[in-house]
């Protein structure tokens, strides 16, 4: 191993001759013990976000499989999905690439009397109970002023899902789901 270290620090000749003093090696951070735990959506609570004014709750039964939320136009389906996606990924793919003022400023409900808030309950595999991811905005704040916490303290990044949520989007719109099914 000293030869490899010597080569890496441009001291290979010294390592071959045995004259290389072993460099100090920092302790490596322990590797994660495997993939993050599977999680299942439970209740989604939304206030003052997109089409939802006063606090509304979408109860879901946590568990594996596909969950479909079905309802008439304007009933809040997309608002709940976008709120949960924002809570878990930090962005909403539906309006991430839109630059118009309506999409940039239209995230907050004009009829809400309290600051926007999103709470998503998650059931983590192997854990009793649920964990809550909560985002709250200050009164009059913009979209970026949200503060996300899990169980009131930890940042959501502590769950270790960053890469998985980037690679495998947890939410698909009606159009995206339809195009996947049409493509076979």
Foldseek 3Di string as FASTA:
>chain_A
DLCVVCVVVVNNVCVVVVNDDDDDDDDDDDDPPDAFFDKFWAKKWKDQFQLHHHIDIDGDDTDDDDDDDDDDPSPCPVRSLQLVLCLQAVHGVVLPPPDDPCSQQRGGHPRHPAWIKIKIWMDTPPDPDTKIWMWTADVPDGPVRIDIDINPDHHSCVSVCNVVCVVDPPDDDPVRVVVVVVVD
